[in-house]
């Protein structure tokens, strides 16, 4: 290093800092209804933890599960661990 007094500032990955962190393990599963709602939703993504807290996001199809996850992160926060059943969505 030519001059040790010169330091570089690298851009930080602030995407990881914009959401509130939750110190809990959270579980998630997709619920499929037998009927379609007036809004056109026929399934929902359910999030819960061991204390009994639960949040449900209605979805038009299971392909929109990522949008429910984004809503959870922005409205509630990001849990330490998200435990799912291994389905593709």
Protein backbone atom coordinates (compact mmCIF):
# COMPACT_ATOMS: atom_id res chain seq x y z
CA UNK A 1 0.00 0.00 0.00
CA UNK A 2 1.51 3.28 -1.10
CA UNK A 3 -0.17 5.53 1.47
CA UNK A 4 -1.75 3.92 4.58
CA UNK A 5 -3.64 7.12 5.41
CA UNK A 6 -5.85 6.75 2.36
CA UNK A 7 -8.81 4.50 2.97
CA UNK A 8 -11.51 3.38 0.61
CA UNK A 9 -15.17 3.47 1.42
CA UNK A 10 -17.05 0.63 -0.12
CA UNK A 11 -20.78 0.82 -0.67
CA UNK A 12 -22.67 -1.17 1.93
CA UNK A 13 -25.38 -3.65 1.15
CA UNK A 14 -28.10 -1.67 2.91
CA UNK A 15 -30.86 -3.99 1.64
CA UNK A 16 -30.25 -6.06 4.75
CA UNK A 17 -30.67 -3.01 7.01
CA UNK A 18 -34.01 -1.64 5.83
CA UNK A 19 -36.21 -4.22 7.59
CA UNK A 20 -36.78 -4.65 11.29
CA UNK A 21 -35.24 -7.83 12.71
CA UNK A 22 -37.38 -10.19 14.77
CA UNK A 23 -35.78 -12.48 17.34
CA UNK A 24 -38.10 -15.41 16.71
CA UNK A 25 -38.49 -18.53 14.63
CA UNK A 26 -41.45 -18.29 12.28
CA UNK A 27 -43.40 -20.98 10.47
CA UNK A 28 -45.18 -20.63 7.12
CA UNK A 29 -47.60 -22.68 5.03
CA UNK A 30 -49.96 -22.13 2.11
CA UNK A 31 -53.69 -22.61 2.64
CA UNK A 32 -55.91 -23.52 -0.32
CA UNK A 33 -59.62 -22.69 -0.10
CA UNK A 34 -62.41 -24.58 -1.85
CA UNK A 35 -64.15 -21.34 -2.88
CA UNK A 36 -62.89 -18.13 -4.48
CA UNK A 37 -63.42 -14.82 -2.66
CA UNK A 38 -64.99 -11.74 -4.22
CA UNK A 39 -61.49 -10.36 -4.79
CA UNK A 40 -60.50 -13.48 -6.72
CA UNK A 41 -58.36 -15.02 -3.97
CA UNK A 42 -58.44 -18.78 -3.53
CA UNK A 43 -55.42 -19.33 -1.28
CA UNK A 44 -53.51 -17.62 1.52
CA UNK A 45 -50.02 -17.61 2.98
CA UNK A 46 -50.03 -18.08 6.75
CA UNK A 47 -47.16 -17.06 9.04
CA UNK A 48 -47.05 -17.88 12.76
CA UNK A 49 -44.66 -18.33 15.66
CA UNK A 50 -44.66 -20.45 18.81
CA UNK A 51 -46.24 -17.71 20.95
CA UNK A 52 -49.49 -17.82 18.96
CA UNK A 53 -48.87 -14.73 16.83
CA UNK A 54 -50.26 -15.22 13.32
CA UNK A 55 -50.53 -13.21 10.10
CA UNK A 56 -52.40 -14.25 6.95
CA UNK A 57 -52.01 -12.75 3.48
CA UNK A 58 -54.62 -13.66 0.81
CA UNK A 59 -53.30 -14.61 -2.64
CA UNK A 60 -54.81 -15.21 -6.07
CA UNK A 61 -52.52 -18.19 -6.71
CA UNK A 62 -49.64 -19.98 -5.03
CA UNK A 63 -47.26 -18.34 -7.50
CA UNK A 64 -47.65 -15.05 -5.60
CA UNK A 65 -46.26 -16.46 -2.32
CA UNK A 66 -43.16 -14.29 -2.72
CA UNK A 67 -45.36 -11.18 -2.55
CA UNK A 68 -46.81 -12.34 0.77
CA UNK A 69 -43.27 -12.84 2.07
CA UNK A 70 -42.31 -9.34 0.96
CA UNK A 71 -45.37 -7.92 2.74
CA UNK A 72 -44.43 -9.76 5.93
CA UNK A 73 -40.90 -8.39 5.80
CA UNK A 74 -42.00 -4.80 5.15
CA UNK A 75 -44.97 -4.68 7.57
CA UNK A 76 -43.73 -6.86 10.44
CA UNK A 77 -40.04 -7.59 10.03
CA UNK A 78 -37.61 -10.38 9.17
CA UNK A 79 -37.49 -13.36 11.55
CA UNK A 80 -34.28 -15.13 12.55
CA UNK A 81 -35.48 -18.35 10.95
CA UNK A 82 -38.37 -19.08 8.59
CA UNK A 83 -39.41 -22.73 8.69
CA UNK A 84 -41.43 -24.01 5.71
CA UNK A 85 -42.60 -27.44 4.57
CA UNK A 86 -40.36 -27.61 1.50
CA UNK A 87 -42.97 -26.94 -1.19
CA UNK A 88 -41.81 -25.16 -4.31
CA UNK A 89 -43.66 -21.90 -3.79
